[in-house]
């Protein structure tokens, strides 16, 4: 009986993964070439701004 429950558990896991995979949109459904470049530019700009702001509040000190 233990072998069957393991098999059913595997089937359930595969169905769950398949269902989740089908719910996530594909890369090409979300971005075309132009929107991808816009996203990357905004992400890089945001990262640089965040690093600049955090650098004002965080000070690294050498270990003595």
Protein backbone atom coordinates (compact mmCIF):
# COMPACT_ATOMS: atom_id res chain seq x y z
CA UNK A 1 0.00 0.00 0.00
CA UNK A 2 2.90 2.40 0.75
CA UNK A 3 4.08 2.17 -2.87
CA UNK A 4 0.73 3.31 -4.18
CA UNK A 5 0.51 6.34 -1.90
CA UNK A 6 3.99 7.40 -3.05
CA UNK A 7 2.86 7.08 -6.65
CA UNK A 8 -0.30 9.09 -5.98
CA UNK A 9 1.79 11.73 -4.24
CA UNK A 10 4.07 11.94 -7.29
CA UNK A 11 1.07 12.28 -9.61
CA UNK A 12 -0.37 15.02 -7.40
CA UNK A 13 2.96 16.87 -7.35
CA UNK A 14 3.27 16.68 -11.13
CA UNK A 15 -0.30 17.96 -11.57
CA UNK A 16 0.41 20.81 -9.14
CA UNK A 17 3.61 21.78 -10.96
CA UNK A 18 1.84 21.58 -14.32
CA UNK A 19 -1.02 23.76 -13.05
CA UNK A 20 1.36 26.36 -11.64
CA UNK A 21 3.45 26.31 -14.83
CA UNK A 22 0.35 26.99 -16.93
CA UNK A 23 -0.64 29.94 -14.70
CA UNK A 24 2.68 31.78 -15.14
CA UNK A 25 2.80 33.82 -18.34
CA UNK A 26 5.61 33.16 -20.80
CA UNK A 27 8.39 35.71 -21.20
CA UNK A 28 7.15 36.65 -24.68
CA UNK A 29 3.63 37.17 -23.31
CA UNK A 30 4.94 39.80 -20.89
CA UNK A 31 7.66 41.54 -22.93
CA UNK A 32 8.31 42.43 -26.51
CA UNK A 33 11.67 43.86 -27.53
CA UNK A 34 10.83 47.50 -26.78
CA UNK A 35 9.19 46.88 -23.40
CA UNK A 36 12.11 44.64 -22.39
CA UNK A 37 14.61 47.45 -23.03
CA UNK A 38 12.42 49.91 -21.13
CA UNK A 39 12.20 47.49 -18.19
CA UNK A 40 15.97 46.94 -18.12
CA UNK A 41 16.67 50.68 -18.30
CA UNK A 42 14.24 51.37 -15.43
CA UNK A 43 15.65 48.48 -13.37
CA UNK A 44 19.25 49.65 -13.80
CA UNK A 45 18.32 53.27 -13.06
CA UNK A 46 16.36 52.22 -9.98
CA UNK A 47 19.23 50.07 -8.75
CA UNK A 48 21.71 52.93 -9.12
CA UNK A 49 19.38 55.38 -7.34
CA UNK A 50 18.79 52.90 -4.50
CA UNK A 51 22.54 52.26 -4.15
CA UNK A 52 23.20 56.02 -4.06
CA UNK A 53 20.54 56.62 -1.39
CA UNK A 54 21.72 53.68 0.72
CA UNK A 55 25.34 54.85 0.45
CA UNK A 56 24.33 58.01 2.33
CA UNK A 57 23.09 55.99 5.32
CA UNK A 58 25.50 53.03 5.40
CA UNK A 59 29.14 53.50 6.37
CA UNK A 60 31.63 50.65 6.21
CA UNK A 61 34.32 50.74 8.87
CA UNK A 62 37.53 48.71 8.81
CA UNK A 63 37.90 45.97 11.42
CA UNK A 64 40.56 46.88 13.98
